[in-house]
Amino acid sequence: MSRTPSRTRRPILLGLGIMLVAFNMRPALTTVGPLLERIRGETGLTAAGAALLTTLPVLCIGLACTLGPLVMRRLGADRGVLLAVAIVAVGSGLRGFGGTLPLFLGACLAAFGIGLSGVLLPGLVKRDFPNRTGLLTGLYTMVLCLGAAAGAGLSVPLAEPLGGWPAALAVWAVPALLATLAWAPFARAPTAQAGAARRGSLWRDRLAWQVTGFMGLQSSLAYIMFGWLPLVLHDRGLSAVEAGFATSLMSLGQAPAALVIPALAARFRDQRLFAVALLVLCVASLVTLVNGPLAWALPLGILLGAGLGGLFGLGLTIIVLRARDAAAAGNLAAMSQSVGYTFAALGPLSFGLAHDLTGGWAASTILFCAIAVGAFLCSLGAGRDRYVGAP
């Protein structure tokens, strides 16, 4: 009798710990975009430098994902998550020193921690919540989107009272530090099973590559919007605060879809229709944002966020559903996010360079649509009811 409450409480506490970690997986990425014009004005950063600032962190996420299986074997998933969120805290704080070098180094370091935690969390969900994978994936994806919204919406308002953009970026080390302390009790030593995630032949598995393509391309759409939507809206006539608010609404709009889509998609054997509907929503929303009435910016931002949040939640759900066990989920997460995020990094860079070369947003919008078409093609295989490694 005395042990039942502890068994009941631990999954609840573990779930809350995952939520705290998830909250810190986006602010380091979404806080830069609304402050980008101010950063460029004070540091002399060129348009190419700004594109690089939105691209390097995504590359670092991909690099961190390649190390996920090694961290899982050496430290275990639980200690690996502790290391990851601590790195996010250090990287976020480093940006507070000001100047381009701390800005770039801090952004890359925080992104490295984000990538590492992103690889480890799907395996934890598969291991500790095998019968509630859709619900838990939806919950932590929703909280992740709330963290993204908070970063996008509060970065500009915080810059004035805190004395400038460096402090407004560095303040996000505080929630990351709190998450580190909250996760510490779960950082147990790995068991033999947890520490030895099996290596499969995923690199020769067609389904694994389809999941990788979908994960990378839909992520590219989101990172493009995180980095460039504030500037798109600012060029269209919104103030920096209004553009940041619209971007925050976009991130906030991700939360309901990020919660609902994984829970719904996990109930179906086939997830292709979900992918198609969400991709159409994203494309239609952005095209109207760029070309439609400016008065529609806020509701369209919410719709765009719903599409992006649903796609991200769907991508994580597909990783879990296409794996037979926690080890396979960890390996598939490592492959799909390491390769996927590496290619996803080209999205923000290409989007910014297309604008720099043409002076408008038409070419960049066409690029966004082309990436969405690629994600659709990958979803045709990734969304089918199969397991990676199956004959």
Protein backbone atom coordinates (compact mmCIF):
# COMPACT_ATOMS: atom_id res chain seq x y z
CA MET A 1 0.00 0.00 0.00
CA SER A 2 2.74 2.45 0.90
CA ARG A 3 4.49 2.02 -2.45
CA THR A 4 1.46 2.68 -4.63
CA PRO A 5 1.49 6.48 -4.22
CA SER A 6 5.16 6.66 -5.16
CA ARG A 7 4.48 4.64 -8.29
CA THR A 8 1.59 6.94 -9.08
CA ARG A 9 3.49 10.13 -8.34
CA ARG A 10 6.65 9.32 -10.25
CA PRO A 11 5.08 9.23 -13.73
CA ILE A 12 3.31 12.50 -12.92
CA LEU A 13 6.52 14.13 -11.69
CA LEU A 14 8.46 12.72 -14.61
CA GLY A 15 5.86 14.09 -17.01
CA LEU A 16 6.09 17.51 -15.36
CA GLY A 17 9.87 17.35 -15.63
CA ILE A 18 9.60 16.62 -19.35
CA MET A 19 7.28 19.63 -19.71
CA LEU A 20 9.80 21.93 -18.00
CA VAL A 21 12.57 20.72 -20.27
CA ALA A 22 10.33 21.12 -23.32
CA PHE A 23 9.54 24.74 -22.43
CA ASN A 24 13.23 25.58 -22.90
CA MET A 25 13.62 23.92 -26.31
CA ARG A 26 12.61 26.98 -28.37
CA PRO A 27 13.17 30.40 -26.65
CA ALA A 28 16.86 30.43 -27.64
CA LEU A 29 15.69 30.20 -31.25
CA THR A 30 12.63 32.46 -31.25
CA THR A 31 14.05 35.38 -29.23
CA VAL A 32 16.49 36.50 -31.93
CA GLY A 33 14.06 37.15 -34.79
CA PRO A 34 12.07 39.99 -33.15
CA LEU A 35 15.34 41.67 -32.07
CA LEU A 36 17.16 41.09 -35.35
CA GLU A 37 16.83 44.65 -36.69
CA ARG A 38 18.04 46.09 -33.36
CA ILE A 39 20.94 43.63 -33.25
CA ARG A 40 21.94 44.52 -36.80
CA GLY A 41 21.75 48.22 -36.02
CA GLU A 42 23.97 47.98 -32.95
CA THR A 43 26.48 45.41 -34.19
CA GLY A 44 26.68 46.25 -37.90
CA LEU A 45 25.64 42.69 -38.82
CA THR A 46 25.03 42.37 -42.57
CA ALA A 47 22.05 40.65 -44.17
CA ALA A 48 24.28 37.63 -44.87
CA GLY A 49 25.38 37.67 -41.23
CA ALA A 50 21.76 37.76 -40.10
CA ALA A 51 20.98 34.79 -42.35
CA LEU A 52 23.98 32.98 -40.83
CA LEU A 53 22.71 33.77 -37.33
CA THR A 54 19.43 32.00 -38.12
CA THR A 55 21.19 29.10 -39.85
CA LEU A 56 24.11 28.13 -37.58
CA PRO A 57 21.89 27.19 -34.60
CA VAL A 58 19.91 24.78 -36.77
CA LEU A 59 23.17 23.21 -37.97
CA CYS A 60 24.22 22.85 -34.32
CA ILE A 61 20.94 21.12 -33.56
CA GLY A 62 21.71 18.64 -36.31
CA LEU A 63 25.25 18.10 -34.99
CA ALA A 64 23.94 17.47 -31.48
CA CYS A 65 21.45 14.94 -32.81
CA THR A 66 24.26 12.83 -34.25
CA LEU A 67 25.68 12.51 -30.72
CA GLY A 68 22.35 11.39 -29.23
CA PRO A 69 23.02 7.61 -29.42
CA LEU A 70 26.54 8.09 -27.96
CA VAL A 71 25.17 10.14 -25.05
CA MET A 72 22.45 7.56 -24.50
CA ARG A 73 25.00 4.76 -24.26
CA ARG A 74 27.47 6.63 -22.05
CA LEU A 75 25.14 8.62 -19.78
CA GLY A 76 21.68 7.20 -20.35
CA ALA A 77 18.72 9.23 -21.58
CA ASP A 78 17.95 10.69 -18.14
CA ARG A 79 21.41 12.11 -17.49
CA GLY A 80 21.65 13.11 -21.13
CA VAL A 81 18.56 15.33 -20.77
CA LEU A 82 20.10 16.93 -17.67
CA LEU A 83 23.27 17.71 -19.62
CA ALA A 84 21.24 19.07 -22.54
CA VAL A 85 19.11 21.53 -20.58
CA ALA A 86 22.16 22.70 -18.62
CA ILE A 87 23.89 23.48 -21.93
CA VAL A 88 20.84 25.48 -23.00
CA ALA A 89 21.11 27.52 -19.79
CA VAL A 90 24.81 28.25 -20.33
CA GLY A 91 24.34 29.15 -23.99
CA SER A 92 21.40 31.45 -23.27
CA GLY A 93 23.34 33.23 -20.54
CA LEU A 94 26.40 33.66 -22.75
CA ARG A 95 24.42 35.89 -25.13
CA GLY A 96 24.10 38.46 -22.35
CA PHE A 97 27.73 39.56 -22.80
CA GLY A 98 26.79 41.44 -25.96
CA GLY A 99 28.67 41.65 -29.24
CA THR A 100 28.57 39.32 -32.19
CA LEU A 101 30.97 36.67 -30.85
CA PRO A 102 29.04 35.90 -27.61
CA LEU A 103 25.80 36.14 -29.62
CA PHE A 104 26.89 33.52 -32.14
CA LEU A 105 28.62 31.27 -29.60
CA GLY A 106 25.69 31.41 -27.17
CA ALA A 107 23.16 30.74 -29.93
CA CYS A 108 25.12 27.72 -31.17
CA LEU A 109 25.68 26.33 -27.67
CA ALA A 110 22.01 26.69 -26.71
CA ALA A 111 20.99 25.08 -29.99
CA PHE A 112 23.35 22.17 -29.28
CA GLY A 113 21.52 21.52 -25.99
CA ILE A 114 18.16 21.82 -27.75
CA GLY A 115 19.17 19.24 -30.34
CA LEU A 116 20.44 16.80 -27.74
CA SER A 117 17.25 16.99 -25.66
CA GLY A 118 15.14 16.66 -28.81
CA VAL A 119 16.78 13.32 -29.62
CA LEU A 120 16.46 11.92 -26.11
CA LEU A 121 12.87 12.86 -25.26
CA PRO A 122 11.08 10.60 -27.80
CA GLY A 123 12.88 7.56 -26.39
CA LEU A 124 11.94 8.57 -22.84
CA VAL A 125 8.29 8.89 -23.86
CA LYS A 126 8.37 5.49 -25.57
CA ARG A 127 10.07 3.93 -22.52
CA ASP A 128 8.12 5.48 -19.64
CA PHE A 129 4.73 6.13 -21.27
CA PRO A 130 4.32 3.30 -23.82
CA ASN A 131 0.52 3.42 -23.69
CA ARG A 132 0.25 7.21 -23.81
CA THR A 133 2.79 8.16 -26.45
CA GLY A 134 0.39 10.36 -28.42
CA LEU A 135 -0.83 12.23 -25.33
CA LEU A 136 2.65 12.81 -23.87
CA THR A 137 4.11 13.77 -27.24
CA GLY A 138 1.27 16.24 -27.68
CA LEU A 139 1.69 17.69 -24.20
CA TYR A 140 5.43 18.30 -24.42
CA THR A 141 5.12 19.61 -27.97
CA MET A 142 2.42 22.03 -26.79
CA VAL A 143 4.61 23.27 -23.93
CA LEU A 144 7.53 23.58 -26.35
CA CYS A 145 5.35 25.83 -28.52
CA LEU A 146 4.35 27.90 -25.49
CA GLY A 147 8.04 28.41 -24.77
CA ALA A 148 8.53 29.50 -28.38
CA ALA A 149 5.63 31.97 -28.06
CA ALA A 150 6.98 33.39 -24.82
CA GLY A 151 10.40 33.93 -26.38
CA ALA A 152 9.02 35.62 -29.49
CA GLY A 153 6.51 37.79 -27.65
CA LEU A 154 8.59 38.94 -24.70
CA SER A 155 12.00 39.56 -26.25
CA VAL A 156 11.24 43.08 -27.54
CA PRO A 157 9.26 44.25 -24.47
CA LEU A 158 12.05 42.99 -22.18
CA ALA A 159 14.80 44.77 -24.09
CA GLU A 160 13.93 48.24 -22.76
CA PRO A 161 13.57 47.55 -19.01
CA LEU A 162 16.56 45.19 -19.01
CA GLY A 163 18.86 47.64 -20.79
CA GLY A 164 19.13 46.24 -24.29
CA TRP A 165 18.98 43.15 -26.45
CA PRO A 166 21.84 41.21 -24.73
CA ALA A 167 19.99 41.11 -21.40
CA ALA A 168 16.68 40.36 -23.16
CA LEU A 169 18.34 37.27 -24.68
CA ALA A 170 20.27 36.24 -21.56
CA VAL A 171 17.22 36.28 -19.28
CA TRP A 172 16.07 33.02 -20.88
CA ALA A 173 18.88 31.25 -19.05
CA VAL A 174 16.71 31.51 -15.91
CA PRO A 175 13.93 29.07 -16.94
CA ALA A 176 16.58 26.74 -18.39
CA LEU A 177 18.41 26.76 -15.05
CA LEU A 178 15.16 26.04 -13.21
CA ALA A 179 14.49 23.11 -15.55
CA THR A 180 18.01 21.81 -14.89
CA LEU A 181 17.39 21.82 -11.15
CA ALA A 182 13.96 20.24 -11.55
CA TRP A 183 15.31 17.44 -13.76
CA ALA A 184 18.27 16.62 -11.51
CA PRO A 185 16.32 14.07 -9.36
CA PHE A 186 15.58 12.04 -12.50
CA ALA A 187 19.21 11.94 -13.66
CA ARG A 188 19.77 8.36 -12.58
CA ALA A 189 22.56 6.12 -13.81
CA PRO A 190 21.65 4.21 -16.98
CA THR A 191 20.60 0.60 -16.76
CA ALA A 192 22.21 -1.86 -19.12
CA GLN A 193 19.14 -1.66 -21.37
CA ALA A 194 18.87 2.12 -21.25
CA GLY A 195 22.55 2.71 -21.83
CA ALA A 196 22.90 0.38 -24.76
CA ALA A 197 20.53 1.61 -27.38
CA ARG A 198 20.69 -0.83 -30.25
CA ARG A 199 22.14 0.26 -33.53
CA GLY A 200 20.12 -0.86 -36.51
CA SER A 201 20.60 -0.57 -40.23
CA LEU A 202 18.49 2.58 -40.40
CA TRP A 203 20.85 4.21 -42.87
CA ARG A 204 19.75 1.58 -45.43
CA ASP A 205 16.09 1.69 -44.43
CA ARG A 206 13.83 3.48 -46.91
CA LEU A 207 11.16 4.27 -44.33
CA ALA A 208 13.75 5.80 -42.00
CA TRP A 209 14.84 8.13 -44.79
CA GLN A 210 11.23 9.09 -45.50
CA VAL A 211 10.72 9.93 -41.83
CA THR A 212 14.00 11.87 -41.90
CA GLY A 213 12.94 13.83 -44.96
CA PHE A 214 9.57 14.73 -43.47
CA MET A 215 11.07 15.71 -40.12
CA GLY A 216 13.75 17.87 -41.71
CA LEU A 217 11.57 19.63 -44.28
CA GLN A 218 8.70 20.44 -41.93
CA SER A 219 11.27 21.71 -39.41
CA SER A 220 12.75 23.91 -42.11
CA LEU A 221 9.38 25.60 -42.56
CA ALA A 222 9.22 26.37 -38.84
CA TYR A 223 12.79 27.68 -38.58
CA ILE A 224 12.23 29.93 -41.58
CA MET A 225 9.26 31.50 -39.81
CA PHE A 226 11.04 31.75 -36.43
CA GLY A 227 13.88 33.66 -38.00
CA TRP A 228 12.22 35.71 -40.74
CA LEU A 229 8.51 36.27 -40.07
CA PRO A 230 9.16 39.34 -37.86
CA LEU A 231 11.20 40.96 -40.66
CA VAL A 232 8.58 40.02 -43.28
CA LEU A 233 5.86 41.70 -41.24
CA HIS A 234 8.09 44.66 -40.39
CA ASP A 235 8.77 45.22 -44.10
CA ARG A 236 5.03 45.11 -44.71
CA GLY A 237 4.49 47.99 -42.29
CA LEU A 238 4.20 46.61 -38.77
CA SER A 239 6.36 48.05 -35.99
CA ALA A 240 8.99 45.85 -34.34
CA VAL A 241 6.72 45.31 -31.32
CA GLU A 242 3.73 44.47 -33.52
CA ALA A 243 5.77 42.10 -35.68
CA GLY A 244 7.12 40.39 -32.55
CA PHE A 245 3.59 40.12 -31.18
CA ALA A 246 2.34 38.56 -34.42
CA THR A 247 5.23 36.09 -34.32
CA SER A 248 4.38 35.32 -30.71
CA LEU A 249 0.79 34.63 -31.76
CA MET A 250 2.15 32.32 -34.44
CA SER A 251 4.10 30.41 -31.80
CA LEU A 252 1.12 30.48 -29.45
CA GLY A 253 -1.10 29.17 -32.23
CA GLN A 254 1.16 26.13 -32.44
CA ALA A 255 0.23 24.98 -28.94
CA PRO A 256 -3.36 23.69 -29.45
CA ALA A 257 -2.45 21.91 -32.69
CA ALA A 258 0.72 20.50 -31.14
CA LEU A 259 -1.42 19.02 -28.36
CA VAL A 260 -4.34 17.75 -30.44
CA ILE A 261 -2.63 16.47 -33.60
CA PRO A 262 -0.29 13.90 -31.94
CA ALA A 263 -3.12 12.56 -29.76
CA LEU A 264 -5.38 12.21 -32.81
CA ALA A 265 -2.72 10.94 -35.19
CA ALA A 266 -1.66 8.19 -32.75
CA ARG A 267 -5.20 6.79 -32.90
CA PHE A 268 -4.94 6.21 -36.65
CA ARG A 269 -2.83 3.68 -38.48
CA ASP A 270 -2.11 6.13 -41.31
CA GLN A 271 -1.00 9.75 -40.78
CA ARG A 272 -0.75 10.96 -44.39
CA LEU A 273 -3.98 12.98 -44.45
CA PHE A 274 -2.85 14.87 -41.35
CA ALA A 275 0.38 15.84 -43.10
CA VAL A 276 -1.36 17.01 -46.27
CA ALA A 277 -3.92 19.15 -44.45
CA LEU A 278 -1.31 20.83 -42.25
CA LEU A 279 1.06 21.57 -45.13
CA VAL A 280 -1.75 23.16 -47.15
CA LEU A 281 -2.65 25.30 -44.12
CA CYS A 282 0.96 26.52 -43.78
CA VAL A 283 1.36 27.41 -47.44
CA ALA A 284 -1.99 29.18 -47.70
CA SER A 285 -1.32 31.17 -44.52
CA LEU A 286 2.14 32.39 -45.54
CA VAL A 287 1.14 33.29 -49.10
CA THR A 288 -1.76 35.36 -47.73
CA LEU A 289 0.48 36.97 -45.09
CA VAL A 290 2.91 38.11 -47.76
CA ASN A 291 0.31 39.24 -50.30
CA GLY A 292 -2.96 39.79 -48.45
CA PRO A 293 -4.32 42.65 -46.34
CA LEU A 294 -2.12 43.60 -43.40
CA ALA A 295 -5.21 43.64 -41.17
CA TRP A 296 -5.27 39.84 -41.48
CA ALA A 297 -1.74 39.45 -40.08
CA LEU A 298 -2.74 38.38 -36.57
CA PRO A 299 -5.35 35.70 -37.44
CA LEU A 300 -3.16 34.44 -40.27
CA GLY A 301 -0.22 34.22 -37.87
CA ILE A 302 -2.32 32.03 -35.59
CA LEU A 303 -3.32 29.78 -38.52
CA LEU A 304 0.28 29.53 -39.69
CA GLY A 305 1.30 28.60 -36.16
CA ALA A 306 -1.40 25.92 -36.01
CA GLY A 307 -0.04 24.37 -39.17
CA LEU A 308 3.59 24.49 -38.04
CA GLY A 309 2.81 23.23 -34.54
CA GLY A 310 0.69 20.41 -35.88
CA LEU A 311 3.45 19.40 -38.30
CA PHE A 312 6.10 19.35 -35.59
CA GLY A 313 3.91 17.31 -33.26
CA LEU A 314 3.06 14.98 -36.13
CA GLY A 315 6.75 14.55 -36.96
CA LEU A 316 7.61 13.55 -33.39
CA THR A 317 4.60 11.22 -33.27
CA ILE A 318 5.63 9.54 -36.51
CA ILE A 319 9.09 8.90 -35.06
CA VAL A 320 7.53 7.09 -32.09
CA LEU A 321 4.91 5.23 -34.15
CA ARG A 322 7.39 3.98 -36.75
CA ALA A 323 9.62 2.43 -34.02
CA ARG A 324 8.95 -0.88 -32.28
CA ASP A 325 10.60 0.05 -28.94
CA ALA A 326 12.41 2.79 -27.04
CA ALA A 327 15.83 1.91 -28.47
CA ALA A 328 14.51 2.02 -32.03
CA ALA A 329 12.74 5.31 -31.29
CA GLY A 330 15.99 6.79 -29.98
CA ASN A 331 17.94 5.68 -33.03
CA LEU A 332 15.27 6.91 -35.43
CA ALA A 333 15.06 10.23 -33.59
CA ALA A 334 18.84 10.60 -33.83
CA MET A 335 18.92 9.87 -37.54
CA SER A 336 15.84 11.88 -38.52
CA GLN A 337 16.82 14.92 -36.50
CA SER A 338 20.56 14.92 -37.19
CA VAL A 339 20.20 14.63 -40.95
CA GLY A 340 16.86 16.43 -41.01
CA TYR A 341 17.99 19.48 -39.07
CA THR A 342 21.19 19.72 -41.09
CA PHE A 343 19.13 20.11 -44.25
CA ALA A 344 16.57 22.22 -42.38
CA ALA A 345 19.32 24.76 -41.72
CA LEU A 346 19.44 25.52 -45.43
CA GLY A 347 15.86 26.78 -45.28
CA PRO A 348 16.39 29.98 -43.23
CA LEU A 349 19.66 30.68 -45.06
CA SER A 350 18.10 30.27 -48.52
CA PHE A 351 14.99 32.22 -47.52
CA GLY A 352 17.11 35.16 -46.35
CA LEU A 353 19.46 35.07 -49.33
CA ALA A 354 16.53 34.94 -51.76
CA HIS A 355 15.19 38.12 -50.19
CA ASP A 356 18.62 39.75 -50.21
CA LEU A 357 19.11 38.98 -53.91
CA THR A 358 15.65 40.03 -55.09
CA GLY A 359 14.77 42.78 -52.62
CA GLY A 360 11.30 41.29 -52.06
CA TRP A 361 9.62 38.29 -50.52
CA ALA A 362 8.14 36.63 -53.63
CA ALA A 363 11.13 34.35 -54.33
CA SER A 364 11.40 33.47 -50.65
CA THR A 365 7.71 32.54 -50.58
CA ILE A 366 8.13 30.29 -53.61
CA LEU A 367 11.03 28.57 -51.82
CA PHE A 368 8.81 28.03 -48.77
CA CYS A 369 6.16 26.41 -50.98
CA ALA A 370 8.76 24.16 -52.64
CA ILE A 371 9.96 22.92 -49.25
CA ALA A 372 6.35 22.17 -48.30
CA VAL A 373 5.95 20.10 -51.48
CA GLY A 374 9.05 18.10 -50.53
CA ALA A 375 7.63 17.47 -47.07
CA PHE A 376 4.40 16.25 -48.69
CA LEU A 377 6.28 13.76 -50.88
CA CYS A 378 8.17 12.39 -47.87
CA SER A 379 4.95 12.11 -45.84
CA LEU A 380 3.50 9.70 -48.39
CA GLY A 381 5.93 7.07 -47.12
CA ALA A 382 6.54 8.26 -43.56
CA GLY A 383 2.84 8.35 -42.72
CA ARG A 384 2.14 4.72 -43.58
CA ASP A 385 1.62 2.05 -40.91
CA ARG A 386 5.00 0.33 -40.93
CA TYR A 387 8.02 -0.08 -38.64
CA VAL A 388 11.61 0.84 -39.44
CA GLY A 389 13.78 -2.22 -39.75
CA ALA A 390 10.84 -4.41 -40.84
CA PRO A 391 11.51 -6.74 -43.77
